[in-house]
């Protein structure tokens, strides 16, 4: 059974979201503050974490940062309706997606299922190891290495890299990338694409400020070059 952790200080949200996902067949645990949420996430072996940004104790952003440093578990952040800066920050520090409050329960469930489905497809994929220059991707094991050195990517970062690696040197538009990441024709704020690209460059480029591997094609999008 798929295990889900919900970290939110509002009892009504914990109860409603927990009930909705249990009805959908998930095993759900909840926490009301950042400290206990982080501890549970690190110890519990969850398949996905739904994390509120505004938490008592340890802030949601810090929970995300610390969790991401130790575990690639998918993270969906809950943000305030007008908190654009918080949404972008959440992606910068490793969240895979975000949903703004107040949210549709159907939308949240759909986002979670899309992320889990993408992970399952990656794990069960029949495509072998992909090499682009000294970059190596293993979709089945969800592993990436550069010149033999392993790099840890979030599920969304890994999916984005696989997309770029599927056609090296082909330019993908920001809209294409976001449609692929969100598994939907609705792409939301396309600046989220730039943040995912920036995160990938920090992890894969020798000099992220002057990238040679993940290259910007001005006015169009991005492409992956063999290095």
N, C-alpha and C. Protein backbone atom coordinates (compact mmCIF):
# COMPACT_ATOMS: atom_id res chain seq x y z
N UNK A 1 0.84 -1.20 0.00
CA UNK A 1 0.00 0.00 0.00
C UNK A 1 0.88 1.25 0.00
N UNK A 2 0.49 2.25 -0.77
CA UNK A 2 1.25 3.49 -0.87
C UNK A 2 1.13 4.30 0.42
N UNK A 3 2.27 4.71 0.97
CA UNK A 3 2.30 5.42 2.25
C UNK A 3 2.51 6.91 2.02
N UNK A 4 1.67 7.71 2.66
CA UNK A 4 1.66 9.15 2.46
C UNK A 4 1.79 9.84 3.81
N UNK A 5 2.64 10.87 3.88
CA UNK A 5 2.78 11.68 5.08
C UNK A 5 2.26 13.09 4.78
N UNK A 6 1.36 13.58 5.65
CA UNK A 6 0.81 14.93 5.53
C UNK A 6 1.31 15.74 6.71
N UNK A 7 1.99 16.85 6.43
CA UNK A 7 2.51 17.73 7.49
C UNK A 7 1.85 19.10 7.33
N UNK A 8 0.92 19.41 8.23
CA UNK A 8 0.17 20.67 8.16
C UNK A 8 -0.34 20.98 9.56
N UNK A 9 -0.26 22.26 9.95
CA UNK A 9 -0.67 22.62 11.31
C UNK A 9 -2.16 22.88 11.44
N UNK A 10 -2.91 22.85 10.34
CA UNK A 10 -4.35 23.08 10.40
C UNK A 10 -5.08 21.74 10.51
N UNK A 11 -5.73 21.46 11.65
CA UNK A 11 -6.42 20.17 11.82
C UNK A 11 -7.43 19.88 10.72
N UNK A 12 -8.15 20.92 10.27
CA UNK A 12 -9.16 20.69 9.25
C UNK A 12 -8.54 20.18 7.95
N UNK A 13 -7.36 20.71 7.59
CA UNK A 13 -6.69 20.25 6.37
C UNK A 13 -6.15 18.85 6.56
N UNK A 14 -5.51 18.59 7.70
CA UNK A 14 -5.01 17.23 7.96
C UNK A 14 -6.13 16.22 7.87
N UNK A 15 -7.26 16.53 8.50
CA UNK A 15 -8.38 15.59 8.53
C UNK A 15 -8.96 15.38 7.13
N UNK A 16 -9.18 16.49 6.42
CA UNK A 16 -9.83 16.39 5.11
C UNK A 16 -8.93 15.68 4.10
N UNK A 17 -7.65 16.08 4.06
CA UNK A 17 -6.72 15.47 3.11
C UNK A 17 -6.48 14.01 3.47
N UNK A 18 -6.31 13.76 4.76
CA UNK A 18 -6.10 12.38 5.20
C UNK A 18 -7.28 11.49 4.84
N UNK A 19 -8.48 11.97 5.09
CA UNK A 19 -9.68 11.19 4.76
C UNK A 19 -9.76 10.92 3.27
N UNK A 20 -9.50 11.96 2.46
CA UNK A 20 -9.60 11.81 1.01
C UNK A 20 -8.63 10.76 0.49
N UNK A 21 -7.40 10.79 0.98
CA UNK A 21 -6.41 9.83 0.47
C UNK A 21 -6.66 8.43 1.03
N UNK A 22 -7.13 8.32 2.26
CA UNK A 22 -7.47 6.98 2.78
C UNK A 22 -8.60 6.37 1.96
N UNK A 23 -9.56 7.20 1.57
CA UNK A 23 -10.66 6.73 0.73
C UNK A 23 -10.15 6.23 -0.61
N UNK A 24 -9.04 6.84 -1.08
CA UNK A 24 -8.43 6.44 -2.35
C UNK A 24 -7.51 5.22 -2.20
N UNK A 25 -7.40 4.70 -1.00
CA UNK A 25 -6.61 3.49 -0.79
C UNK A 25 -5.19 3.70 -0.29
N UNK A 26 -4.86 4.94 0.12
CA UNK A 26 -3.53 5.23 0.65
C UNK A 26 -3.48 4.94 2.15
N UNK A 27 -2.28 4.61 2.62
CA UNK A 27 -2.02 4.58 4.06
C UNK A 27 -1.47 5.95 4.43
N UNK A 28 -2.10 6.62 5.39
CA UNK A 28 -1.78 8.02 5.68
C UNK A 28 -1.37 8.22 7.13
N UNK A 29 -0.30 8.99 7.32
CA UNK A 29 0.05 9.49 8.65
C UNK A 29 0.11 11.01 8.57
N UNK A 30 -0.15 11.67 9.70
CA UNK A 30 -0.14 13.14 9.71
C UNK A 30 0.72 13.65 10.86
N UNK A 31 1.27 14.84 10.67
CA UNK A 31 2.00 15.55 11.71
C UNK A 31 1.60 17.02 11.65
N UNK A 32 1.71 17.71 12.81
CA UNK A 32 1.20 19.07 12.91
C UNK A 32 2.29 20.13 12.97
N UNK A 33 3.57 19.75 12.99
CA UNK A 33 4.64 20.74 13.06
C UNK A 33 5.85 20.24 12.29
N UNK A 34 6.76 21.17 12.03
CA UNK A 34 7.90 20.85 11.20
C UNK A 34 8.86 19.84 11.79
N UNK A 35 9.11 19.95 13.09
CA UNK A 35 10.09 19.05 13.72
C UNK A 35 9.63 17.60 13.68
N UNK A 36 8.38 17.36 14.10
CA UNK A 36 7.88 15.98 14.09
C UNK A 36 7.66 15.49 12.66
N UNK A 37 7.33 16.43 11.76
CA UNK A 37 7.15 16.05 10.37
C UNK A 37 8.44 15.57 9.75
N UNK A 38 9.53 16.29 10.00
CA UNK A 38 10.83 15.89 9.47
C UNK A 38 11.26 14.55 10.04
N UNK A 39 11.10 14.37 11.34
CA UNK A 39 11.49 13.11 11.97
C UNK A 39 10.71 11.94 11.38
N UNK A 40 9.40 12.13 11.21
CA UNK A 40 8.58 11.06 10.63
C UNK A 40 8.99 10.76 9.19
N UNK A 41 9.26 11.81 8.42
CA UNK A 41 9.63 11.61 7.02
C UNK A 41 10.94 10.85 6.90
N UNK A 42 11.88 11.14 7.78
CA UNK A 42 13.18 10.47 7.72
C UNK A 42 13.13 9.04 8.22
N UNK A 43 12.18 8.75 9.09
CA UNK A 43 12.12 7.42 9.70
C UNK A 43 11.05 6.51 9.11
N UNK A 44 10.07 7.10 8.42
CA UNK A 44 8.87 6.33 8.12
C UNK A 44 8.82 5.56 6.82
N UNK A 45 9.74 5.80 5.88
CA UNK A 45 9.69 5.09 4.62
C UNK A 45 8.46 5.42 3.80
N UNK A 46 8.12 6.71 3.68
CA UNK A 46 6.93 7.11 2.94
C UNK A 46 7.22 7.18 1.44
N UNK A 47 6.15 7.04 0.66
CA UNK A 47 6.26 7.12 -0.79
C UNK A 47 6.14 8.56 -1.29
N UNK A 48 5.52 9.44 -0.49
CA UNK A 48 5.38 10.84 -0.87
C UNK A 48 5.03 11.65 0.37
N UNK A 49 5.48 12.91 0.40
CA UNK A 49 5.19 13.81 1.52
C UNK A 49 4.45 15.03 1.00
N UNK A 50 3.32 15.34 1.65
CA UNK A 50 2.60 16.59 1.39
C UNK A 50 2.96 17.53 2.53
N UNK A 51 3.58 18.65 2.20
CA UNK A 51 4.22 19.50 3.20
C UNK A 51 3.74 20.94 3.10
N UNK A 52 3.18 21.45 4.19
CA UNK A 52 2.78 22.86 4.23
C UNK A 52 4.02 23.73 4.44
N UNK A 53 4.04 24.89 3.81
CA UNK A 53 5.18 25.79 3.97
C UNK A 53 5.16 26.48 5.33
N UNK A 54 3.98 26.85 5.81
CA UNK A 54 3.86 27.61 7.05
C UNK A 54 3.58 26.65 8.20
N UNK A 55 4.62 26.35 8.96
CA UNK A 55 4.51 25.38 10.05
C UNK A 55 5.09 25.94 11.34
N UNK A 56 4.53 25.56 12.49
CA UNK A 56 5.17 25.91 13.75
C UNK A 56 6.45 25.10 13.93
N UNK A 57 7.37 25.65 14.70
CA UNK A 57 8.66 24.96 14.86
C UNK A 57 9.48 25.12 13.61
N UNK A 58 10.00 24.03 13.11
CA UNK A 58 10.82 24.05 11.90
C UNK A 58 9.95 24.43 10.70
N UNK A 59 10.36 25.46 9.96
CA UNK A 59 9.58 25.92 8.81
C UNK A 59 9.52 24.85 7.72
N UNK A 60 8.45 24.89 6.94
CA UNK A 60 8.29 23.92 5.87
C UNK A 60 9.44 23.93 4.89
N UNK A 61 9.97 25.12 4.59
CA UNK A 61 11.11 25.21 3.67
C UNK A 61 12.33 24.48 4.23
N UNK A 62 12.54 24.61 5.54
CA UNK A 62 13.69 23.95 6.14
C UNK A 62 13.48 22.44 6.21
N UNK A 63 12.24 22.02 6.47
CA UNK A 63 11.93 20.59 6.44
C UNK A 63 12.25 20.03 5.06
N UNK A 64 11.81 20.74 4.02
CA UNK A 64 12.07 20.31 2.65
C UNK A 64 13.57 20.24 2.37
N UNK A 65 14.29 21.27 2.78
CA UNK A 65 15.73 21.32 2.52
C UNK A 65 16.46 20.15 3.20
N UNK A 66 16.15 19.91 4.48
CA UNK A 66 16.83 18.84 5.21
C UNK A 66 16.43 17.46 4.70
N UNK A 67 15.16 17.31 4.38
CA UNK A 67 14.70 16.02 3.88
C UNK A 67 15.32 15.72 2.52
N UNK A 68 15.35 16.73 1.67
CA UNK A 68 15.89 16.52 0.33
C UNK A 68 17.38 16.19 0.36
N UNK A 69 18.10 16.68 1.37
CA UNK A 69 19.53 16.39 1.47
C UNK A 69 19.79 14.93 1.80
N UNK A 70 18.77 14.24 2.33
CA UNK A 70 18.97 12.86 2.77
C UNK A 70 18.09 11.84 2.07
N UNK A 71 17.05 12.29 1.36
CA UNK A 71 16.08 11.33 0.83
C UNK A 71 15.45 11.89 -0.45
N UNK A 72 15.36 11.09 -1.52
CA UNK A 72 14.75 11.58 -2.77
C UNK A 72 13.23 11.47 -2.79
N UNK A 73 12.59 11.19 -1.64
CA UNK A 73 11.13 11.02 -1.61
C UNK A 73 10.45 12.23 -2.25
N UNK A 74 9.44 12.01 -3.09
CA UNK A 74 8.72 13.14 -3.70
C UNK A 74 8.06 14.03 -2.65
N UNK A 75 8.08 15.33 -2.89
CA UNK A 75 7.50 16.31 -1.96
C UNK A 75 6.56 17.22 -2.74
N UNK A 76 5.31 17.31 -2.28
CA UNK A 76 4.35 18.28 -2.81
C UNK A 76 4.11 19.32 -1.72
N UNK A 77 4.36 20.58 -2.04
CA UNK A 77 4.24 21.64 -1.04
C UNK A 77 2.89 22.32 -1.16
N UNK A 78 2.32 22.68 -0.01
CA UNK A 78 1.09 23.45 0.06
C UNK A 78 1.47 24.89 0.36
N UNK A 79 1.04 25.82 -0.49
CA UNK A 79 1.43 27.21 -0.33
C UNK A 79 0.20 28.11 -0.30
N UNK A 80 0.37 29.32 0.24
CA UNK A 80 -0.71 30.30 0.24
C UNK A 80 -1.00 30.73 -1.20
N UNK A 81 -2.24 31.15 -1.45
CA UNK A 81 -2.70 31.46 -2.79
C UNK A 81 -1.81 32.48 -3.50
N UNK A 82 -1.39 33.53 -2.79
CA UNK A 82 -0.64 34.60 -3.43
C UNK A 82 0.86 34.55 -3.14
N UNK A 83 1.34 33.45 -2.57
CA UNK A 83 2.74 33.37 -2.16
C UNK A 83 3.61 32.83 -3.29
N UNK A 84 3.72 33.61 -4.37
CA UNK A 84 4.50 33.15 -5.53
C UNK A 84 5.96 32.91 -5.16
N UNK A 85 6.52 33.81 -4.35
CA UNK A 85 7.93 33.65 -3.98
C UNK A 85 8.13 32.35 -3.21
N UNK A 86 7.19 32.00 -2.34
CA UNK A 86 7.30 30.75 -1.59
C UNK A 86 7.22 29.54 -2.51
N UNK A 87 6.35 29.60 -3.52
CA UNK A 87 6.22 28.48 -4.45
C UNK A 87 7.53 28.25 -5.19
N UNK A 88 8.12 29.34 -5.68
CA UNK A 88 9.36 29.21 -6.42
C UNK A 88 10.50 28.76 -5.52
N UNK A 89 10.51 29.25 -4.28
CA UNK A 89 11.53 28.81 -3.32
C UNK A 89 11.39 27.33 -3.05
N UNK A 90 10.17 26.85 -2.91
CA UNK A 90 9.96 25.43 -2.67
C UNK A 90 10.55 24.58 -3.77
N UNK A 91 10.38 24.99 -5.01
CA UNK A 91 10.97 24.25 -6.12
C UNK A 91 12.49 24.35 -6.12
N UNK A 92 13.01 25.51 -5.76
CA UNK A 92 14.46 25.71 -5.72
C UNK A 92 15.13 24.76 -4.74
N UNK A 93 14.48 24.50 -3.61
CA UNK A 93 15.11 23.66 -2.59
C UNK A 93 14.74 22.20 -2.72
N UNK A 94 14.01 21.84 -3.80
CA UNK A 94 13.85 20.42 -4.09
C UNK A 94 12.46 19.86 -4.10
N UNK A 95 11.41 20.67 -3.87
CA UNK A 95 10.05 20.15 -3.96
C UNK A 95 9.77 19.75 -5.41
N UNK A 96 8.92 18.75 -5.58
CA UNK A 96 8.60 18.28 -6.93
C UNK A 96 7.41 19.02 -7.54
N UNK A 97 6.52 19.50 -6.70
CA UNK A 97 5.34 20.19 -7.20
C UNK A 97 4.76 21.00 -6.05
N UNK A 98 3.79 21.85 -6.36
CA UNK A 98 3.11 22.61 -5.32
C UNK A 98 1.64 22.76 -5.67
N UNK A 99 0.82 22.94 -4.64
CA UNK A 99 -0.60 23.21 -4.80
C UNK A 99 -0.92 24.39 -3.89
N UNK A 100 -1.62 25.37 -4.43
CA UNK A 100 -1.93 26.59 -3.67
C UNK A 100 -3.25 26.44 -2.90
N UNK A 101 -3.24 26.90 -1.65
CA UNK A 101 -4.47 26.93 -0.85
C UNK A 101 -5.31 28.15 -1.23
N UNK A 102 -6.63 28.04 -1.22
CA UNK A 102 -7.41 26.81 -1.07
C UNK A 102 -7.33 25.98 -2.34
N UNK A 103 -7.32 24.66 -2.19
CA UNK A 103 -7.12 23.81 -3.35
C UNK A 103 -8.28 22.83 -3.50
N UNK A 104 -8.41 22.35 -4.71
CA UNK A 104 -9.38 21.29 -4.99
C UNK A 104 -8.77 19.96 -4.56
N UNK A 105 -9.53 19.17 -3.81
CA UNK A 105 -9.01 17.87 -3.38
C UNK A 105 -8.72 16.99 -4.58
N UNK A 106 -9.56 17.10 -5.62
CA UNK A 106 -9.33 16.30 -6.82
C UNK A 106 -8.01 16.69 -7.48
N UNK A 107 -7.69 18.00 -7.46
CA UNK A 107 -6.42 18.44 -8.03
C UNK A 107 -5.24 17.89 -7.25
N UNK A 108 -5.31 17.95 -5.93
CA UNK A 108 -4.22 17.45 -5.10
C UNK A 108 -4.02 15.96 -5.31
N UNK A 109 -5.11 15.21 -5.32
CA UNK A 109 -5.00 13.77 -5.53
C UNK A 109 -4.42 13.48 -6.92
N UNK A 110 -4.86 14.26 -7.91
CA UNK A 110 -4.34 14.07 -9.26
C UNK A 110 -2.86 14.35 -9.35
N UNK A 111 -2.40 15.41 -8.68
CA UNK A 111 -0.97 15.74 -8.71
C UNK A 111 -0.16 14.62 -8.05
N UNK A 112 -0.63 14.14 -6.91
CA UNK A 112 0.08 13.08 -6.20
C UNK A 112 0.13 11.81 -7.05
N UNK A 113 -0.99 11.44 -7.62
CA UNK A 113 -1.02 10.23 -8.44
C UNK A 113 -0.12 10.36 -9.66
N UNK A 114 -0.05 11.56 -10.25
CA UNK A 114 0.81 11.76 -11.42
C UNK A 114 2.27 11.56 -11.06
N UNK A 115 2.70 12.10 -9.92
CA UNK A 115 4.09 11.94 -9.49
C UNK A 115 4.40 10.46 -9.22
N UNK A 116 3.51 9.78 -8.51
CA UNK A 116 3.73 8.37 -8.20
C UNK A 116 3.71 7.52 -9.46
N UNK A 117 2.84 7.87 -10.41
CA UNK A 117 2.78 7.12 -11.67
C UNK A 117 4.08 7.28 -12.44
N UNK A 118 4.63 8.49 -12.48
CA UNK A 118 5.87 8.72 -13.19
C UNK A 118 7.01 7.92 -12.56
N UNK A 119 7.01 7.86 -11.23
CA UNK A 119 8.05 7.07 -10.56
C UNK A 119 7.94 5.59 -10.92
N UNK A 120 6.72 5.09 -10.93
CA UNK A 120 6.52 3.67 -11.23
C UNK A 120 6.92 3.36 -12.66
N UNK A 121 6.59 4.27 -13.59
CA UNK A 121 6.99 4.06 -14.98
C UNK A 121 8.51 4.06 -15.11
N UNK A 122 9.17 4.94 -14.36
CA UNK A 122 10.63 4.98 -14.41
C UNK A 122 11.24 3.69 -13.88
N UNK A 123 10.65 3.17 -12.78
CA UNK A 123 11.19 1.95 -12.18
C UNK A 123 10.96 0.74 -13.07
N UNK A 124 9.82 0.71 -13.77
CA UNK A 124 9.47 -0.47 -14.56
C UNK A 124 9.85 -0.33 -16.03
N UNK A 125 10.48 0.78 -16.37
CA UNK A 125 10.82 1.04 -17.77
C UNK A 125 11.77 -0.01 -18.31
N UNK A 126 11.60 -0.30 -19.59
CA UNK A 126 12.45 -1.30 -20.22
C UNK A 126 13.67 -0.67 -20.90
N UNK A 127 13.67 0.65 -21.01
CA UNK A 127 14.80 1.31 -21.65
C UNK A 127 16.06 1.13 -20.80
N UNK A 128 17.15 0.83 -21.47
CA UNK A 128 18.39 0.60 -20.76
C UNK A 128 19.08 1.88 -20.35
N UNK A 129 20.30 1.72 -19.88
CA UNK A 129 21.10 2.86 -19.44
C UNK A 129 21.34 3.79 -20.62
N UNK A 130 21.16 5.09 -20.38
CA UNK A 130 21.34 6.11 -21.41
C UNK A 130 22.61 6.88 -21.12
N UNK A 131 23.45 7.07 -22.15
CA UNK A 131 24.70 7.82 -21.99
C UNK A 131 24.72 8.99 -22.96
N UNK A 132 25.01 10.16 -22.41
CA UNK A 132 25.17 11.37 -23.21
C UNK A 132 26.49 12.00 -22.78
N UNK A 133 27.54 11.79 -23.57
CA UNK A 133 28.87 12.20 -23.12
C UNK A 133 29.26 11.41 -21.89
N UNK A 134 29.70 12.11 -20.84
CA UNK A 134 30.08 11.40 -19.61
C UNK A 134 28.93 11.34 -18.61
N UNK A 135 27.71 11.72 -19.06
CA UNK A 135 26.51 11.62 -18.24
C UNK A 135 25.84 10.28 -18.47
N UNK A 136 25.49 9.58 -17.40
CA UNK A 136 24.87 8.27 -17.51
C UNK A 136 23.59 8.23 -16.67
N UNK A 137 22.48 7.77 -17.29
CA UNK A 137 21.20 7.67 -16.59
C UNK A 137 20.72 6.24 -16.63
N UNK A 138 20.24 5.76 -15.50
CA UNK A 138 19.63 4.44 -15.41
C UNK A 138 18.18 4.62 -14.96
N UNK A 139 17.21 4.59 -15.89
CA UNK A 139 15.81 4.82 -15.53
C UNK A 139 15.25 3.80 -14.56
N UNK A 140 15.71 2.56 -14.64
CA UNK A 140 15.17 1.52 -13.77
C UNK A 140 15.61 1.73 -12.32
N UNK A 141 16.88 2.02 -12.14
CA UNK A 141 17.41 2.21 -10.78
C UNK A 141 17.28 3.66 -10.30
N UNK A 142 16.83 4.53 -11.19
CA UNK A 142 16.70 5.96 -10.87
C UNK A 142 18.05 6.52 -10.40
N UNK A 143 19.08 6.23 -11.19
CA UNK A 143 20.45 6.65 -10.84
C UNK A 143 21.03 7.52 -11.95
N UNK A 144 21.83 8.49 -11.54
CA UNK A 144 22.51 9.38 -12.47
C UNK A 144 23.95 9.52 -12.01
N UNK A 145 24.86 9.52 -12.98
CA UNK A 145 26.27 9.76 -12.64
C UNK A 145 26.91 10.64 -13.71
N UNK A 146 27.90 11.42 -13.28
CA UNK A 146 28.68 12.25 -14.19
C UNK A 146 30.13 11.84 -14.03
N UNK A 147 30.73 11.37 -15.11
CA UNK A 147 32.11 10.87 -15.09
C UNK A 147 32.30 9.83 -13.99
N UNK A 148 31.27 8.99 -13.81
CA UNK A 148 31.32 7.92 -12.82
C UNK A 148 30.96 8.32 -11.41
N UNK A 149 30.70 9.61 -11.18
CA UNK A 149 30.36 10.08 -9.84
C UNK A 149 28.85 10.23 -9.71
N UNK A 150 28.26 9.54 -8.73
CA UNK A 150 26.81 9.55 -8.56
C UNK A 150 26.30 10.93 -8.15
N UNK A 151 25.15 11.30 -8.67
CA UNK A 151 24.47 12.55 -8.32
C UNK A 151 23.04 12.23 -7.92
N UNK A 152 22.56 12.85 -6.87
CA UNK A 152 21.21 12.60 -6.39
C UNK A 152 20.26 13.66 -6.94
N UNK A 153 19.21 13.20 -7.63
CA UNK A 153 18.22 14.10 -8.19
C UNK A 153 16.85 13.82 -7.58
N UNK A 154 16.02 14.85 -7.53
CA UNK A 154 14.63 14.65 -7.13
C UNK A 154 13.90 13.93 -8.26
N UNK A 155 12.72 13.35 -7.99
CA UNK A 155 11.97 12.69 -9.06
C UNK A 155 11.69 13.61 -10.25
N UNK A 156 11.35 14.86 -9.98
CA UNK A 156 11.06 15.79 -11.08
C UNK A 156 12.32 16.13 -11.87
N UNK A 157 13.43 16.34 -11.16
CA UNK A 157 14.69 16.61 -11.84
C UNK A 157 15.10 15.42 -12.72
N UNK A 158 14.92 14.22 -12.19
CA UNK A 158 15.27 13.03 -12.95
C UNK A 158 14.40 12.91 -14.19
N UNK A 159 13.11 13.17 -14.05
CA UNK A 159 12.20 13.09 -15.20
C UNK A 159 12.59 14.12 -16.25
N UNK A 160 12.92 15.32 -15.82
CA UNK A 160 13.33 16.36 -16.75
C UNK A 160 14.61 15.96 -17.49
N UNK A 161 15.58 15.43 -16.75
CA UNK A 161 16.84 15.02 -17.38
C UNK A 161 16.60 13.89 -18.38
N UNK A 162 15.74 12.95 -18.04
CA UNK A 162 15.42 11.86 -18.97
C UNK A 162 14.80 12.40 -20.25
N UNK A 163 13.96 13.41 -20.10
CA UNK A 163 13.34 14.02 -21.28
C UNK A 163 14.40 14.64 -22.18
N UNK A 164 15.30 15.43 -21.60
CA UNK A 164 16.36 16.05 -22.39
C UNK A 164 17.27 15.00 -23.03
N UNK A 165 17.54 13.93 -22.26
CA UNK A 165 18.45 12.88 -22.76
C UNK A 165 17.80 12.00 -23.81
N UNK A 166 16.47 12.03 -23.90
CA UNK A 166 15.79 11.20 -24.90
C UNK A 166 16.15 11.64 -26.32
N UNK A 167 16.49 12.91 -26.49
CA UNK A 167 16.90 13.45 -27.80
C UNK A 167 18.00 14.48 -27.60
N UNK A 168 19.22 14.02 -27.33
CA UNK A 168 20.32 14.97 -27.10
C UNK A 168 20.44 15.97 -28.24
N UNK A 169 20.70 17.20 -27.87
CA UNK A 169 20.88 18.33 -28.78
C UNK A 169 19.57 18.83 -29.40
N UNK A 170 18.47 18.15 -29.12
CA UNK A 170 17.17 18.68 -29.54
C UNK A 170 16.74 19.74 -28.53
N UNK A 171 16.17 20.84 -29.02
CA UNK A 171 15.72 21.91 -28.14
C UNK A 171 14.29 21.63 -27.69
N UNK A 172 14.08 21.59 -26.37
CA UNK A 172 12.75 21.44 -25.79
C UNK A 172 12.28 22.80 -25.27
N UNK A 173 11.08 23.18 -25.61
CA UNK A 173 10.54 24.45 -25.12
C UNK A 173 10.19 24.33 -23.65
N UNK A 174 10.10 25.47 -22.99
CA UNK A 174 9.72 25.47 -21.57
C UNK A 174 8.32 24.88 -21.41
N UNK A 175 7.44 25.17 -22.34
CA UNK A 175 6.09 24.63 -22.25
C UNK A 175 6.10 23.10 -22.38
N UNK A 176 6.88 22.56 -23.31
CA UNK A 176 6.99 21.10 -23.45
C UNK A 176 7.49 20.48 -22.15
N UNK A 177 8.49 21.11 -21.57
CA UNK A 177 9.08 20.57 -20.35
C UNK A 177 8.06 20.54 -19.23
N UNK A 178 7.31 21.63 -19.04
CA UNK A 178 6.34 21.67 -17.96
C UNK A 178 5.17 20.72 -18.20
N UNK A 179 4.76 20.57 -19.45
CA UNK A 179 3.71 19.59 -19.75
C UNK A 179 4.17 18.19 -19.40
N UNK A 180 5.43 17.90 -19.67
CA UNK A 180 5.98 16.59 -19.34
C UNK A 180 6.09 16.40 -17.83
N UNK A 181 6.53 17.43 -17.13
CA UNK A 181 6.69 17.32 -15.68
C UNK A 181 5.36 17.17 -14.97
N UNK A 182 4.36 17.95 -15.41
CA UNK A 182 3.07 17.95 -14.74
C UNK A 182 2.12 16.91 -15.31
N UNK A 183 2.56 16.23 -16.40
CA UNK A 183 1.72 15.20 -17.00
C UNK A 183 0.36 15.77 -17.38
N UNK A 184 0.37 17.00 -17.91
CA UNK A 184 -0.88 17.70 -18.18
C UNK A 184 -0.63 18.77 -19.23
N UNK A 185 -1.70 19.15 -19.95
CA UNK A 185 -1.59 20.26 -20.89
C UNK A 185 -1.59 21.59 -20.15
N UNK A 186 -2.00 21.59 -18.87
CA UNK A 186 -1.93 22.80 -18.05
C UNK A 186 -0.54 22.88 -17.45
N UNK A 187 0.15 23.99 -17.70
CA UNK A 187 1.55 24.05 -17.29
C UNK A 187 1.82 25.03 -16.16
N UNK A 188 0.82 25.82 -15.75
CA UNK A 188 1.04 26.74 -14.64
C UNK A 188 2.11 27.77 -14.96
N UNK A 189 2.88 28.13 -13.96
CA UNK A 189 3.93 29.14 -14.10
C UNK A 189 5.16 28.51 -14.75
N UNK A 190 5.46 28.88 -15.98
CA UNK A 190 6.58 28.27 -16.69
C UNK A 190 7.93 28.65 -16.11
N UNK A 191 7.96 29.64 -15.22
CA UNK A 191 9.23 29.95 -14.56
C UNK A 191 9.69 28.80 -13.68
N UNK A 192 8.75 27.95 -13.28
CA UNK A 192 9.13 26.75 -12.52
C UNK A 192 10.09 25.89 -13.33
N UNK A 193 9.95 25.91 -14.65
CA UNK A 193 10.87 25.17 -15.52
C UNK A 193 12.29 25.67 -15.33
N UNK A 194 12.47 26.99 -15.29
CA UNK A 194 13.80 27.57 -15.15
C UNK A 194 14.44 27.17 -13.81
N UNK A 195 13.61 27.04 -12.78
CA UNK A 195 14.13 26.65 -11.47
C UNK A 195 14.61 25.21 -11.50
N UNK A 196 13.83 24.32 -12.11
CA UNK A 196 14.26 22.92 -12.22
C UNK A 196 15.56 22.82 -13.03
N UNK A 197 15.66 23.60 -14.10
CA UNK A 197 16.89 23.60 -14.90
C UNK A 197 18.07 24.09 -14.07
N UNK A 198 17.84 25.18 -13.30
CA UNK A 198 18.90 25.72 -12.45
C UNK A 198 19.36 24.68 -11.42
N UNK A 199 18.41 23.95 -10.83
CA UNK A 199 18.75 22.91 -9.87
C UNK A 199 19.59 21.81 -10.53
N UNK A 200 19.19 21.41 -11.74
CA UNK A 200 19.96 20.38 -12.45
C UNK A 200 21.38 20.85 -12.74
N UNK A 201 21.51 22.10 -13.15
CA UNK A 201 22.84 22.61 -13.44
C UNK A 201 23.73 22.61 -12.21
N UNK A 202 23.17 22.95 -11.06
CA UNK A 202 23.98 22.94 -9.84
C UNK A 202 24.51 21.55 -9.53
N UNK A 203 23.74 20.54 -9.91
CA UNK A 203 24.13 19.17 -9.58
C UNK A 203 24.97 18.50 -10.66
N UNK A 204 24.85 18.98 -11.90
CA UNK A 204 25.48 18.27 -13.01
C UNK A 204 26.60 19.02 -13.71
N UNK A 205 26.62 20.34 -13.59
CA UNK A 205 27.61 21.13 -14.32
C UNK A 205 28.85 21.39 -13.46
N UNK A 206 29.99 21.41 -14.10
CA UNK A 206 31.23 21.78 -13.40
C UNK A 206 31.19 23.24 -12.97
N UNK A 207 30.64 24.09 -13.84
CA UNK A 207 30.47 25.51 -13.54
C UNK A 207 29.03 25.89 -13.88
N UNK A 208 28.11 25.81 -12.90
CA UNK A 208 26.69 26.06 -13.18
C UNK A 208 26.42 27.44 -13.79
N UNK A 209 27.27 28.43 -13.49
CA UNK A 209 27.07 29.76 -14.05
C UNK A 209 27.39 29.83 -15.53
N UNK A 210 28.18 28.85 -15.99
CA UNK A 210 28.55 28.79 -17.41
C UNK A 210 28.33 27.36 -17.90
N UNK A 211 27.07 26.97 -18.02
CA UNK A 211 26.76 25.57 -18.31
C UNK A 211 27.19 25.14 -19.71
N UNK A 212 27.74 23.94 -19.80
CA UNK A 212 28.13 23.36 -21.08
C UNK A 212 27.26 22.16 -21.42
N UNK A 213 26.62 21.59 -20.41
CA UNK A 213 25.85 20.36 -20.60
C UNK A 213 24.38 20.67 -20.88
N UNK A 214 23.75 21.46 -20.01
CA UNK A 214 22.35 21.84 -20.18
C UNK A 214 22.35 23.29 -20.68
N UNK A 215 22.11 23.44 -21.96
CA UNK A 215 22.34 24.70 -22.64
C UNK A 215 21.03 25.43 -22.91
N UNK A 216 21.02 26.74 -22.68
CA UNK A 216 19.87 27.58 -23.00
C UNK A 216 19.91 27.97 -24.47
N UNK A 217 18.79 27.80 -25.15
CA UNK A 217 18.62 28.32 -26.51
C UNK A 217 17.68 29.50 -26.39
N UNK A 218 18.24 30.67 -26.47
CA UNK A 218 17.51 31.89 -26.15
C UNK A 218 16.21 32.01 -26.93
N UNK A 219 15.15 32.30 -26.19
CA UNK A 219 13.84 32.49 -26.79
C UNK A 219 13.09 31.21 -27.11
N UNK A 220 13.74 30.06 -26.89
CA UNK A 220 13.09 28.78 -27.22
C UNK A 220 13.00 27.87 -26.01
N UNK A 221 14.15 27.46 -25.48
CA UNK A 221 14.12 26.53 -24.35
C UNK A 221 15.49 26.00 -24.01
N UNK A 222 15.60 24.67 -23.85
CA UNK A 222 16.84 24.07 -23.37
C UNK A 222 17.14 22.78 -24.15
N UNK A 223 18.44 22.45 -24.18
CA UNK A 223 18.85 21.20 -24.79
C UNK A 223 20.01 20.60 -23.99
N UNK A 224 20.21 19.30 -24.16
CA UNK A 224 21.29 18.58 -23.49
C UNK A 224 22.39 18.29 -24.49
N UNK A 225 23.61 18.74 -24.16
CA UNK A 225 24.77 18.54 -25.03
C UNK A 225 25.69 17.47 -24.42
N UNK A 226 26.27 16.60 -25.26
CA UNK A 226 27.27 15.66 -24.74
C UNK A 226 28.54 16.41 -24.36
N UNK A 227 29.06 16.11 -23.18
CA UNK A 227 30.28 16.76 -22.69
C UNK A 227 31.29 15.68 -22.34
